[in-house]
Amino acid sequence: MMAGCNPYEFRMGGPHVTTCEILTSLPGVDHTGMTATLVDTAAIDMNYFGATQYLITMGITLQQGSGYRILLRPVVEARDVKDSGIVVIATRSGISLEQGGHVIVSRPDLMIAPNDPVRVALFSENNYMQVVFNCDTVFRGWTKLKESDDVVVQALEKSQVEIIHPDWAAPPDQQ
């Protein structure tokens, strides 16, 4: 079945076009070829042809509410997130990373301002990963987590978030 026939699937961004799947109810996500707006806990799963090593860049704007989550290395099956791997939580109060429900990085100095686009870069290669917001490296290091070909973005409760022009490329040394 072609992806265009499934109302839960769409493509976005470029030049490396990202395949997206809506994980929550359809009314919570509005999308075009370059943006997706997520409202009140709506979530999308993004991937690129099963690539487990990547550098994905995108803009994310908090339009209203408190923030959003980015799930790195999740296990996503049949629109259900079974494992969250590492969770990046970006709010007006700062950015944190959690693993297994425990905070592993806390950056209260990096607050998300409403209506201010943030450039997010996520790098994953084998057991090494890096998370960058604008020019600030939030996390860089080794993990023992299994690689995944999925990145999930979710608006927090009562929040509205716009994802802008994602580009899912191979790591720089593999391009």
Protein backbone atom coordinates (compact mmCIF):
# COMPACT_ATOMS: atom_id res chain seq x y z
CA MET A 1 0.00 0.00 0.00
CA MET A 2 1.37 3.42 -0.88
CA ALA A 3 2.14 5.80 1.99
CA GLY A 4 -0.05 8.49 0.44
CA CYS A 5 -3.12 6.29 0.92
CA ASN A 6 -2.67 6.01 4.69
CA PRO A 7 -3.93 9.16 6.48
CA TYR A 8 -1.46 8.53 9.32
CA GLU A 9 1.60 8.64 7.04
CA PHE A 10 3.22 11.58 5.26
CA ARG A 11 6.59 12.81 4.03
CA MET A 12 8.27 16.03 5.01
CA GLY A 13 11.47 18.05 4.55
CA GLY A 14 14.44 17.54 2.32
CA PRO A 15 16.69 17.19 0.48
CA HIS A 16 16.63 13.86 2.39
CA VAL A 17 12.87 13.47 2.75
CA THR A 18 11.73 12.16 6.13
CA THR A 19 8.94 9.60 6.39
CA CYS A 20 6.53 10.47 9.20
CA GLU A 21 3.77 8.55 10.93
CA ILE A 22 1.20 10.13 13.22
CA LEU A 23 1.21 8.14 16.48
CA THR A 24 -1.79 9.87 18.06
CA SER A 25 -5.19 10.98 16.77
CA LEU A 26 -5.28 12.63 13.34
CA PRO A 27 -6.76 15.99 14.49
CA GLY A 28 -3.68 16.61 16.70
CA VAL A 29 -1.33 16.91 13.70
CA ASP A 30 -1.50 19.30 10.76
CA HIS A 31 1.22 18.91 8.12
CA THR A 32 2.53 20.11 4.78
CA GLY A 33 5.58 19.04 2.81
CA MET A 34 7.83 21.21 4.96
CA THR A 35 6.14 21.55 8.39
CA ALA A 36 4.11 19.66 10.93
CA THR A 37 2.17 21.26 13.78
CA LEU A 38 1.55 19.10 16.86
CA VAL A 39 -1.10 20.05 19.42
CA ASP A 40 -1.69 18.85 23.00
CA THR A 41 0.30 15.57 23.32
CA ALA A 42 0.16 14.79 19.59
CA ALA A 43 3.21 12.84 18.40
CA ILE A 44 4.87 11.84 15.13
CA ASP A 45 7.46 9.20 14.41
CA MET A 46 10.14 10.21 11.91
CA ASN A 47 12.55 7.95 10.05
CA TYR A 48 14.49 7.61 6.82
CA PHE A 49 14.52 4.23 5.06
CA GLY A 50 15.69 2.31 8.14
CA ALA A 51 18.84 4.42 8.60
CA THR A 52 20.15 3.87 12.12
CA GLN A 53 23.12 6.20 11.70
CA TYR A 54 22.14 9.76 10.94
CA LEU A 55 22.41 13.49 11.36
CA ILE A 56 18.90 14.92 11.44
CA THR A 57 18.42 18.68 11.55
CA MET A 58 15.15 20.57 11.90
CA GLY A 59 13.66 23.72 13.26
CA ILE A 60 11.21 23.48 16.14
CA THR A 61 9.06 26.37 17.33
CA LEU A 62 7.06 26.32 20.56
CA GLN A 63 3.95 28.25 19.50
CA GLN A 64 2.14 27.96 22.83
CA GLY A 65 2.28 25.97 26.06
CA SER A 66 5.24 24.64 27.98
CA GLY A 67 7.27 22.56 25.51
CA TYR A 68 7.92 19.26 23.74
CA ARG A 69 9.71 15.93 23.95
CA ILE A 70 12.04 14.25 21.48
CA LEU A 71 12.44 10.50 21.93
CA LEU A 72 15.77 9.18 20.67
CA ARG A 73 16.32 5.47 20.09
CA PRO A 74 12.72 4.49 20.79
CA VAL A 75 11.19 1.18 19.78
CA VAL A 76 8.06 2.02 17.78
CA GLU A 77 5.72 -0.77 16.71
CA ALA A 78 2.24 -0.35 15.27
CA ARG A 79 2.03 3.31 16.35
CA ASP A 80 2.94 2.35 19.94
CA VAL A 81 6.16 3.54 21.60
CA LYS A 82 7.36 0.54 23.59
CA ASP A 83 10.69 1.96 24.79
CA SER A 84 11.65 5.59 25.06
CA GLY A 85 15.45 5.15 24.99
CA ILE A 86 16.64 8.68 25.69
CA VAL A 87 14.05 11.45 26.05
CA VAL A 88 14.97 15.09 25.41
CA ILE A 89 12.53 17.39 27.19
CA ALA A 90 12.61 21.01 25.98
CA THR A 91 10.57 23.52 27.99
CA ARG A 92 10.39 27.17 28.94
CA SER A 93 12.29 26.10 32.10
CA GLY A 94 15.21 24.47 30.29
CA ILE A 95 16.28 21.30 28.52
CA SER A 96 16.87 17.92 30.14
CA LEU A 97 17.64 14.39 29.01
CA GLU A 98 16.15 11.36 30.71
CA GLN A 99 16.90 7.69 30.41
CA GLY A 100 14.76 5.09 32.16
CA GLY A 101 12.93 7.83 34.08
CA HIS A 102 16.17 9.30 35.49
CA VAL A 103 17.52 12.74 34.57
CA ILE A 104 20.99 12.31 33.03
CA VAL A 105 21.48 15.92 31.86
CA SER A 106 19.85 19.11 33.14
CA ARG A 107 20.36 22.44 31.36
CA PRO A 108 18.09 25.07 32.97
CA ASP A 109 20.16 27.74 31.18
CA LEU A 110 18.76 26.62 27.79
CA MET A 111 15.13 27.72 27.96
CA ILE A 112 12.78 27.49 24.98
CA ALA A 113 11.21 30.85 24.18
CA PRO A 114 7.72 30.89 22.64
CA ASN A 115 7.61 31.68 18.90
CA ASP A 116 11.42 31.54 18.66
CA PRO A 117 12.53 28.84 16.18
CA VAL A 118 15.22 26.55 17.59
CA ARG A 119 17.59 24.65 15.31
CA VAL A 120 17.82 21.08 16.58
CA ALA A 121 20.54 18.69 15.37
CA LEU A 122 20.52 15.04 16.40
CA PHE A 123 23.52 12.86 15.57
CA SER A 124 23.59 9.09 16.04
CA GLU A 125 26.37 6.76 14.97
CA ASN A 126 26.69 3.32 16.51
CA ASN A 127 26.76 3.92 20.28
CA TYR A 128 27.73 7.60 19.99
CA MET A 129 25.16 10.40 19.97
CA GLN A 130 25.00 14.17 20.13
CA VAL A 131 22.09 16.56 20.79
CA VAL A 132 22.49 20.23 19.82
CA PHE A 133 19.97 23.07 20.29
CA ASN A 134 20.97 26.12 18.23
CA CYS A 135 24.74 26.18 18.87
CA ASP A 136 24.59 24.64 22.35
CA THR A 137 25.62 21.01 22.73
CA VAL A 138 23.19 19.56 25.27
CA PHE A 139 24.69 16.05 25.21
CA ARG A 140 27.60 14.35 23.50
CA GLY A 141 28.73 10.88 24.43
CA TRP A 142 28.49 7.14 24.32
CA THR A 143 25.44 5.10 25.19
CA LYS A 144 24.88 1.38 25.48
CA LEU A 145 21.44 1.69 23.94
CA LYS A 146 20.49 -0.18 20.78
CA GLU A 147 20.42 1.89 17.60
CA SER A 148 16.99 2.82 16.28
CA ASP A 149 15.74 4.12 12.98
CA ASP A 150 13.10 6.28 14.69
CA VAL A 151 12.92 9.73 16.26
CA VAL A 152 9.62 10.68 17.90
CA VAL A 153 8.57 14.29 18.53
CA GLN A 154 5.65 14.98 20.88
CA ALA A 155 4.02 18.20 22.08
CA LEU A 156 3.60 18.38 25.84
CA GLU A 157 0.11 18.72 27.30
CA LYS A 158 -1.64 21.96 26.25
CA SER A 159 1.31 22.86 23.99
CA GLN A 160 1.50 23.57 20.27
CA VAL A 161 4.76 22.87 18.45
CA GLU A 162 5.79 23.34 14.84
CA ILE A 163 8.47 21.12 13.28
CA ILE A 164 10.12 22.89 10.36
CA HIS A 165 11.90 21.34 7.38
CA PRO A 166 13.56 18.23 8.81
CA ASP A 167 16.51 16.83 6.86
CA TRP A 168 17.65 13.30 7.67
CA ALA A 169 21.15 12.77 6.29
CA ALA A 170 23.87 10.22 6.75
CA PRO A 171 26.64 11.08 9.23
CA PRO A 172 29.07 13.58 7.65
CA ASP A 173 31.82 10.99 7.11
CA GLN A 174 29.39 8.76 5.16
CA GLN A 175 27.95 11.36 2.77
